[in-house]
């Protein structure tokens, strides 16, 4: 993932960990980021692997499970 740091992108993409973040409205930075990832297969693999981890932890199922856990903790604590 190569993305501009707009909206919620910085909340999901950690530069150099699970993607590459570039400045918004900077086509040259976007191009440089894409070329950097395309030219480095090891980096591309590492970013992809971490991207999958991020996707799993941020999925709807994962978020629903986290909310359910909180509800269970709160309802158990009140008894």
PDB file of N, CA and C in Angstrom:
ATOM      1  N   UNK A   1       0.845  -1.167   0.000  1.00  0.00           N
ATOM      2  CA  UNK A   1       0.000   0.000   0.000  1.00  0.00           C
ATOM      3  C   UNK A   1       0.892   1.231   0.000  1.00  0.00           C
ATOM      4  N   UNK A   2       0.674   2.064  -0.940  1.00  0.00           N
ATOM      5  CA  UNK A   2       1.298   3.384  -0.979  1.00  0.00           C
ATOM      6  C   UNK A   2       0.142   4.366  -0.999  1.00  0.00           C
ATOM      7  N   UNK A   3       0.080   5.242   0.007  1.00  0.00           N
ATOM      8  CA  UNK A   3      -1.078   6.124   0.120  1.00  0.00           C
ATOM      9  C   UNK A   3      -0.681   7.488   0.662  1.00  0.00           C
ATOM     10  N   UNK A   4      -1.476   8.464   0.316  1.00  0.00           N
ATOM     11  CA  UNK A   4      -1.278   9.818   0.833  1.00  0.00           C
ATOM     12  C   UNK A   4      -1.830   9.908   2.247  1.00  0.00           C
ATOM     13  N   UNK A   5      -1.196  10.711   3.051  1.00  0.00           N
ATOM     14  CA  UNK A   5      -1.607  10.875   4.453  1.00  0.00           C
ATOM     15  C   UNK A   5      -2.802  11.822   4.541  1.00  0.00           C
ATOM     16  N   UNK A   6      -3.962  11.303   4.162  1.00  0.00           N
ATOM     17  CA  UNK A   6      -5.208  12.059   4.233  1.00  0.00           C
ATOM     18  C   UNK A   6      -6.235  11.238   4.998  1.00  0.00           C
ATOM     19  N   UNK A   7      -7.207  11.911   5.562  1.00  0.00           N
ATOM     20  CA  UNK A   7      -8.287  11.220   6.259  1.00  0.00           C
ATOM     21  C   UNK A   7      -7.779  10.241   7.299  1.00  0.00           C
ATOM     22  N   UNK A   8      -8.309   9.025   7.267  1.00  0.00           N
ATOM     23  CA  UNK A   8      -7.949   8.004   8.241  1.00  0.00           C
ATOM     24  C   UNK A   8      -6.748   7.161   7.852  1.00  0.00           C
ATOM     25  N   UNK A   9      -6.123   7.471   6.725  1.00  0.00           N
ATOM     26  CA  UNK A   9      -4.980   6.673   6.266  1.00  0.00           C
ATOM     27  C   UNK A   9      -3.892   6.546   7.337  1.00  0.00           C
ATOM     28  N   UNK A  10      -3.474   7.633   7.979  1.00  0.00           N
ATOM     29  CA  UNK A  10      -2.419   7.488   8.983  1.00  0.00           C
ATOM     30  C   UNK A  10      -2.823   6.623  10.186  1.00  0.00           C
ATOM     31  N   UNK A  11      -4.122   6.434  10.400  1.00  0.00           N
ATOM     32  CA  UNK A  11      -4.581   5.559  11.475  1.00  0.00           C
ATOM     33  C   UNK A  11      -4.402   4.089  11.116  1.00  0.00           C
ATOM     34  N   UNK A  12      -4.372   3.782   9.835  1.00  0.00           N
ATOM     35  CA  UNK A  12      -4.272   2.401   9.380  1.00  0.00           C
ATOM     36  C   UNK A  12      -2.889   2.038   8.859  1.00  0.00           C
ATOM     37  N   UNK A  13      -2.269   2.948   8.156  1.00  0.00           N
ATOM     38  CA  UNK A  13      -0.993   2.660   7.510  1.00  0.00           C
ATOM     39  C   UNK A  13       0.137   3.279   8.318  1.00  0.00           C
ATOM     40  N   UNK A  14       1.044   2.402   8.759  1.00  0.00           N
ATOM     41  CA  UNK A  14       2.242   2.871   9.468  1.00  0.00           C
ATOM     42  C   UNK A  14       3.393   2.845   8.478  1.00  0.00           C
ATOM     43  N   UNK A  15       3.903   4.012   8.179  1.00  0.00           N
ATOM     44  CA  UNK A  15       4.918   4.175   7.152  1.00  0.00           C
ATOM     45  C   UNK A  15       6.100   3.241   7.389  1.00  0.00           C
ATOM     46  N   UNK A  16       6.408   2.443   6.380  1.00  0.00           N
ATOM     47  CA  UNK A  16       7.536   1.537   6.458  1.00  0.00           C
ATOM     48  C   UNK A  16       7.245   0.240   7.189  1.00  0.00           C
ATOM     49  N   UNK A  17       6.052   0.118   7.780  1.00  0.00           N
ATOM     50  CA  UNK A  17       5.692  -1.101   8.513  1.00  0.00           C
ATOM     51  C   UNK A  17       4.697  -1.923   7.703  1.00  0.00           C
ATOM     52  N   UNK A  18       3.554  -1.326   7.383  1.00  0.00           N
ATOM     53  CA  UNK A  18       2.537  -2.040   6.613  1.00  0.00           C
ATOM     54  C   UNK A  18       2.140  -1.276   5.348  1.00  0.00           C
ATOM     55  N   UNK A  19       2.949  -0.313   4.987  1.00  0.00           N
ATOM     56  CA  UNK A  19       2.709   0.474   3.795  1.00  0.00           C
ATOM     57  C   UNK A  19       3.661   1.648   3.739  1.00  0.00           C
ATOM     58  N   UNK A  20       3.438   2.479   2.768  1.00  0.00           N
ATOM     59  CA  UNK A  20       4.245   3.690   2.600  1.00  0.00           C
ATOM     60  C   UNK A  20       3.301   4.875   2.569  1.00  0.00           C
ATOM     61  N   UNK A  21       3.562   5.845   3.421  1.00  0.00           N
ATOM     62  CA  UNK A  21       2.757   7.063   3.458  1.00  0.00           C
ATOM     63  C   UNK A  21       3.529   8.195   2.797  1.00  0.00           C
ATOM     64  N   UNK A  22       2.827   8.941   1.981  1.00  0.00           N
ATOM     65  CA  UNK A  22       3.434  10.091   1.315  1.00  0.00           C
ATOM     66  C   UNK A  22       2.572  11.323   1.571  1.00  0.00           C
ATOM     67  N   UNK A  23       3.152  12.464   1.372  1.00  0.00           N
ATOM     68  CA  UNK A  23       2.431  13.721   1.579  1.00  0.00           C
ATOM     69  C   UNK A  23       1.277  13.841   0.588  1.00  0.00           C
ATOM     70  N   UNK A  24       0.198  14.407   1.068  1.00  0.00           N
ATOM     71  CA  UNK A  24      -0.959  14.649   0.209  1.00  0.00           C
ATOM     72  C   UNK A  24      -0.617  15.695  -0.845  1.00  0.00           C
ATOM     73  N   UNK A  25      -1.248  15.587  -1.972  1.00  0.00           N
ATOM     74  CA  UNK A  25      -1.080  16.553  -3.069  1.00  0.00           C
ATOM     75  C   UNK A  25       0.369  16.655  -3.541  1.00  0.00           C
ATOM     76  N   UNK A  26       1.089  15.526  -3.489  1.00  0.00           N
ATOM     77  CA  UNK A  26       2.484  15.503  -3.937  1.00  0.00           C
ATOM     78  C   UNK A  26       2.674  14.316  -4.880  1.00  0.00           C
ATOM     79  N   UNK A  27       2.366  14.522  -6.159  1.00  0.00           N
ATOM     80  CA  UNK A  27       2.455  13.421  -7.115  1.00  0.00           C
ATOM     81  C   UNK A  27       3.858  12.828  -7.211  1.00  0.00           C
ATOM     82  N   UNK A  28       4.874  13.643  -7.056  1.00  0.00           N
ATOM     83  CA  UNK A  28       6.252  13.129  -7.114  1.00  0.00           C
ATOM     84  C   UNK A  28       6.525  12.197  -5.944  1.00  0.00           C
ATOM     85  N   UNK A  29       6.035  12.538  -4.749  1.00  0.00           N
ATOM     86  CA  UNK A  29       6.224  11.673  -3.580  1.00  0.00           C
ATOM     87  C   UNK A  29       5.485  10.355  -3.786  1.00  0.00           C
ATOM     88  N   UNK A  30       4.304  10.410  -4.372  1.00  0.00           N
ATOM     89  CA  UNK A  30       3.542   9.199  -4.650  1.00  0.00           C
ATOM     90  C   UNK A  30       4.304   8.320  -5.645  1.00  0.00           C
ATOM     91  N   UNK A  31       4.814   8.926  -6.687  1.00  0.00           N
ATOM     92  CA  UNK A  31       5.589   8.200  -7.691  1.00  0.00           C
ATOM     93  C   UNK A  31       6.834   7.572  -7.055  1.00  0.00           C
ATOM     94  N   UNK A  32       7.540   8.340  -6.245  1.00  0.00           N
ATOM     95  CA  UNK A  32       8.744   7.825  -5.569  1.00  0.00           C
ATOM     96  C   UNK A  32       8.399   6.651  -4.657  1.00  0.00           C
ATOM     97  N   UNK A  33       7.295   6.768  -3.924  1.00  0.00           N
ATOM     98  CA  UNK A  33       6.874   5.694  -3.034  1.00  0.00           C
ATOM     99  C   UNK A  33       6.539   4.429  -3.799  1.00  0.00           C
ATOM    100  N   UNK A  34       5.819   4.574  -4.895  1.00  0.00           N
ATOM    101  CA  UNK A  34       5.468   3.418  -5.722  1.00  0.00           C
ATOM    102  C   UNK A  34       6.706   2.768  -6.318  1.00  0.00           C
ATOM    103  N   UNK A  35       7.598   3.578  -6.856  1.00  0.00           N
ATOM    104  CA  UNK A  35       8.822   3.032  -7.450  1.00  0.00           C
ATOM    105  C   UNK A  35       9.679   2.334  -6.408  1.00  0.00           C
ATOM    106  N   UNK A  36       9.755   2.898  -5.221  1.00  0.00           N
ATOM    107  CA  UNK A  36      10.537   2.296  -4.147  1.00  0.00           C
ATOM    108  C   UNK A  36      10.020   0.901  -3.821  1.00  0.00           C
ATOM    109  N   UNK A  37       8.710   0.765  -3.724  1.00  0.00           N
ATOM    110  CA  UNK A  37       8.111  -0.534  -3.412  1.00  0.00           C
ATOM    111  C   UNK A  37       8.266  -1.496  -4.588  1.00  0.00           C
ATOM    112  N   UNK A  38       8.073  -1.015  -5.789  1.00  0.00           N
ATOM    113  CA  UNK A  38       8.195  -1.874  -6.962  1.00  0.00           C
ATOM    114  C   UNK A  38       9.615  -2.380  -7.167  1.00  0.00           C
ATOM    115  N   UNK A  39      10.596  -1.600  -6.809  1.00  0.00           N
ATOM    116  CA  UNK A  39      11.999  -1.973  -7.023  1.00  0.00           C
ATOM    117  C   UNK A  39      12.577  -2.855  -5.925  1.00  0.00           C
ATOM    118  N   UNK A  40      11.862  -3.023  -4.843  1.00  0.00           N
ATOM    119  CA  UNK A  40      12.408  -3.768  -3.699  1.00  0.00           C
ATOM    120  C   UNK A  40      11.460  -4.916  -3.323  1.00  0.00           C
ATOM    121  N   UNK A  41      11.685  -6.106  -3.903  1.00  0.00           N
ATOM    122  CA  UNK A  41      10.785  -7.234  -3.631  1.00  0.00           C
ATOM    123  C   UNK A  41      10.716  -7.623  -2.155  1.00  0.00           C
ATOM    124  N   UNK A  42      11.817  -7.541  -1.445  1.00  0.00           N
ATOM    125  CA  UNK A  42      11.807  -7.897  -0.022  1.00  0.00           C
ATOM    126  C   UNK A  42      10.945  -6.921   0.768  1.00  0.00           C
ATOM    127  N   UNK A  43      11.084  -5.635   0.488  1.00  0.00           N
ATOM    128  CA  UNK A  43      10.262  -4.628   1.162  1.00  0.00           C
ATOM    129  C   UNK A  43       8.791  -4.837   0.820  1.00  0.00           C
ATOM    130  N   UNK A  44       8.527  -5.123  -0.439  1.00  0.00           N
ATOM    131  CA  UNK A  44       7.156  -5.341  -0.890  1.00  0.00           C
ATOM    132  C   UNK A  44       6.523  -6.520  -0.139  1.00  0.00           C
ATOM    133  N   UNK A  45       7.281  -7.602   0.017  1.00  0.00           N
ATOM    134  CA  UNK A  45       6.793  -8.774   0.753  1.00  0.00           C
ATOM    135  C   UNK A  45       6.526  -8.443   2.212  1.00  0.00           C
ATOM    136  N   UNK A  46       7.477  -7.728   2.834  1.00  0.00           N
ATOM    137  CA  UNK A  46       7.336  -7.361   4.250  1.00  0.00           C
ATOM    138  C   UNK A  46       6.101  -6.478   4.455  1.00  0.00           C
ATOM    139  N   UNK A  47       5.929  -5.483   3.618  1.00  0.00           N
ATOM    140  CA  UNK A  47       4.770  -4.594   3.726  1.00  0.00           C
ATOM    141  C   UNK A  47       3.471  -5.368   3.515  1.00  0.00           C
ATOM    142  N   UNK A  48       3.481  -6.287   2.557  1.00  0.00           N
ATOM    143  CA  UNK A  48       2.276  -7.081   2.286  1.00  0.00           C
ATOM    144  C   UNK A  48       1.926  -7.969   3.473  1.00  0.00           C
ATOM    145  N   UNK A  49       2.928  -8.605   4.066  1.00  0.00           N
ATOM    146  CA  UNK A  49       2.680  -9.464   5.225  1.00  0.00           C
ATOM    147  C   UNK A  49       2.100  -8.665   6.388  1.00  0.00           C
ATOM    148  N   UNK A  50       2.694  -7.529   6.662  1.00  0.00           N
ATOM    149  CA  UNK A  50       2.188  -6.694   7.752  1.00  0.00           C
ATOM    150  C   UNK A  50       0.832  -6.097   7.409  1.00  0.00           C
ATOM    151  N   UNK A  51       0.601  -5.835   6.131  1.00  0.00           N
ATOM    152  CA  UNK A  51      -0.704  -5.345   5.697  1.00  0.00           C
ATOM    153  C   UNK A  51      -1.795  -6.363   5.968  1.00  0.00           C
ATOM    154  N   UNK A  52      -1.486  -7.643   5.763  1.00  0.00           N
ATOM    155  CA  UNK A  52      -2.463  -8.695   6.062  1.00  0.00           C
ATOM    156  C   UNK A  52      -2.759  -8.757   7.549  1.00  0.00           C
ATOM    157  N   UNK A  53      -1.741  -8.599   8.381  1.00  0.00           N
ATOM    158  CA  UNK A  53      -1.940  -8.583   9.833  1.00  0.00           C
ATOM    159  C   UNK A  53      -2.862  -7.419  10.204  1.00  0.00           C
ATOM    160  N   UNK A  54      -2.592  -6.263   9.640  1.00  0.00           N
ATOM    161  CA  UNK A  54      -3.430  -5.086   9.914  1.00  0.00           C
ATOM    162  C   UNK A  54      -4.865  -5.342   9.475  1.00  0.00           C
ATOM    163  N   UNK A  55      -5.037  -5.904   8.294  1.00  0.00           N
ATOM    164  CA  UNK A  55      -6.386  -6.171   7.781  1.00  0.00           C
ATOM    165  C   UNK A  55      -7.137  -7.134   8.698  1.00  0.00           C
ATOM    166  N   UNK A  56      -6.443  -8.144   9.204  1.00  0.00           N
ATOM    167  CA  UNK A  56      -7.097  -9.106  10.096  1.00  0.00           C
ATOM    168  C   UNK A  56      -7.527  -8.456  11.407  1.00  0.00           C
ATOM    169  N   UNK A  57      -6.688  -7.584  11.946  1.00  0.00           N
ATOM    170  CA  UNK A  57      -7.015  -6.960  13.230  1.00  0.00           C
ATOM    171  C   UNK A  57      -8.014  -5.823  13.084  1.00  0.00           C
ATOM    172  N   UNK A  58      -8.186  -5.308  11.893  1.00  0.00           N
ATOM    173  CA  UNK A  58      -9.120  -4.207  11.662  1.00  0.00           C
ATOM    174  C   UNK A  58     -10.367  -4.650  10.912  1.00  0.00           C
ATOM    175  N   UNK A  59     -10.569  -5.943  10.778  1.00  0.00           N
ATOM    176  CA  UNK A  59     -11.744  -6.431  10.049  1.00  0.00           C
ATOM    177  C   UNK A  59     -13.002  -6.180  10.874  1.00  0.00           C
ATOM    178  N   UNK A  60     -14.127  -6.271  10.225  1.00  0.00           N
ATOM    179  CA  UNK A  60     -15.408  -6.103  10.922  1.00  0.00           C
ATOM    180  C   UNK A  60     -15.565  -7.181  11.982  1.00  0.00           C
ATOM    181  N   UNK A  61     -15.171  -8.405  11.656  1.00  0.00           N
ATOM    182  CA  UNK A  61     -15.280  -9.505  12.626  1.00  0.00           C
ATOM    183  C   UNK A  61     -14.419  -9.244  13.859  1.00  0.00           C
ATOM    184  N   UNK A  62     -13.191  -8.748  13.648  1.00  0.00           N
ATOM    185  CA  UNK A  62     -12.305  -8.462  14.778  1.00  0.00           C
ATOM    186  C   UNK A  62     -12.866  -7.329  15.635  1.00  0.00           C
ATOM    187  N   UNK A  63     -13.383  -6.293  14.999  1.00  0.00           N
ATOM    188  CA  UNK A  63     -13.945  -5.181  15.760  1.00  0.00           C
ATOM    189  C   UNK A  63     -15.203  -5.600  16.512  1.00  0.00           C
ATOM    190  N   UNK A  64     -16.030  -6.426  15.891  1.00  0.00           N
ATOM    191  CA  UNK A  64     -17.240  -6.914  16.558  1.00  0.00           C
ATOM    192  C   UNK A  64     -16.873  -7.772  17.765  1.00  0.00           C
ATOM    193  N   UNK A  65     -15.849  -8.604  17.628  1.00  0.00           N
ATOM    194  CA  UNK A  65     -15.393  -9.439  18.744  1.00  0.00           C
ATOM    195  C   UNK A  65     -14.874  -8.574  19.888  1.00  0.00           C
ATOM    196  N   UNK A  66     -14.156  -7.503  19.565  1.00  0.00           N
ATOM    197  CA  UNK A  66     -13.646  -6.603  20.599  1.00  0.00           C
ATOM    198  C   UNK A  66     -14.784  -5.902  21.340  1.00  0.00           C
ATOM    199  N   UNK A  67     -15.799  -5.462  20.606  1.00  0.00           N
ATOM    200  CA  UNK A  67     -16.949  -4.812  21.232  1.00  0.00           C
ATOM    201  C   UNK A  67     -17.699  -5.815  22.105  1.00  0.00           C
ATOM    202  N   UNK A  68     -17.881  -7.028  21.608  1.00  0.00           N
ATOM    203  CA  UNK A  68     -18.559  -8.062  22.385  1.00  0.00           C
ATOM    204  C   UNK A  68     -17.804  -8.344  23.681  1.00  0.00           C
ATOM    205  N   UNK A  69     -16.484  -8.373  23.610  1.00  0.00           N
ATOM    206  CA  UNK A  69     -15.664  -8.614  24.804  1.00  0.00           C
ATOM    207  C   UNK A  69     -15.901  -7.529  25.855  1.00  0.00           C
ATOM    208  N   UNK A  70     -15.957  -6.292  25.413  1.00  0.00           N
ATOM    209  CA  UNK A  70     -16.198  -5.180  26.339  1.00  0.00           C
ATOM    210  C   UNK A  70     -17.584  -5.316  26.968  1.00  0.00           C
ATOM    211  N   UNK A  71     -18.595  -5.600  26.152  1.00  0.00           N
ATOM    212  CA  UNK A  71     -19.952  -5.781  26.685  1.00  0.00           C
ATOM    213  C   UNK A  71     -19.997  -6.900  27.719  1.00  0.00           C
ATOM    214  N   UNK A  72     -19.312  -7.990  27.436  1.00  0.00           N
ATOM    215  CA  UNK A  72     -19.298  -9.114  28.378  1.00  0.00           C
ATOM    216  C   UNK A  72     -18.608  -8.713  29.687  1.00  0.00           C
ATOM    217  N   UNK A  73     -17.513  -7.984  29.575  1.00  0.00           N
ATOM    218  CA  UNK A  73     -16.800  -7.545  30.775  1.00  0.00           C
ATOM    219  C   UNK A  73     -17.661  -6.618  31.612  1.00  0.00           C
ATOM    220  N   UNK A  74     -18.335  -5.696  30.962  1.00  0.00           N
ATOM    221  CA  UNK A  74     -19.177  -4.733  31.681  1.00  0.00           C
ATOM    222  C   UNK A  74     -20.365  -5.442  32.307  1.00  0.00           C
ATOM    223  N   UNK A  75     -20.998  -6.346  31.565  1.00  0.00           N
ATOM    224  CA  UNK A  75     -22.178  -7.024  32.131  1.00  0.00           C
ATOM    225  C   UNK A  75     -21.783  -7.973  33.251  1.00  0.00           C
ATOM    226  N   UNK A  76     -20.626  -8.570  33.191  1.00  0.00           N
ATOM    227  CA  UNK A  76     -20.151  -9.456  34.268  1.00  0.00           C
ATOM    228  C   UNK A  76     -19.764  -8.641  35.509  1.00  0.00           C
ATOM    229  N   UNK A  77     -19.186  -7.486  35.312  1.00  0.00           N
ATOM    230  CA  UNK A  77     -18.732  -6.647  36.418  1.00  0.00           C
ATOM    231  C   UNK A  77     -19.904  -6.124  37.253  1.00  0.00           C
ATOM    232  N   UNK A  78     -21.054  -5.961  36.662  1.00  0.00           N
ATOM    233  CA  UNK A  78     -22.219  -5.408  37.359  1.00  0.00           C
ATOM    234  C   UNK A  78     -22.967  -6.439  38.193  1.00  0.00           C
ATOM    235  N   UNK A  79     -22.638  -7.690  38.025  1.00  0.00           N
ATOM    236  CA  UNK A  79     -23.367  -8.749  38.745  1.00  0.00           C
ATOM    237  C   UNK A  79     -22.859  -8.923  40.129  1.00  0.00           C
TER     238      UNK A  79
END
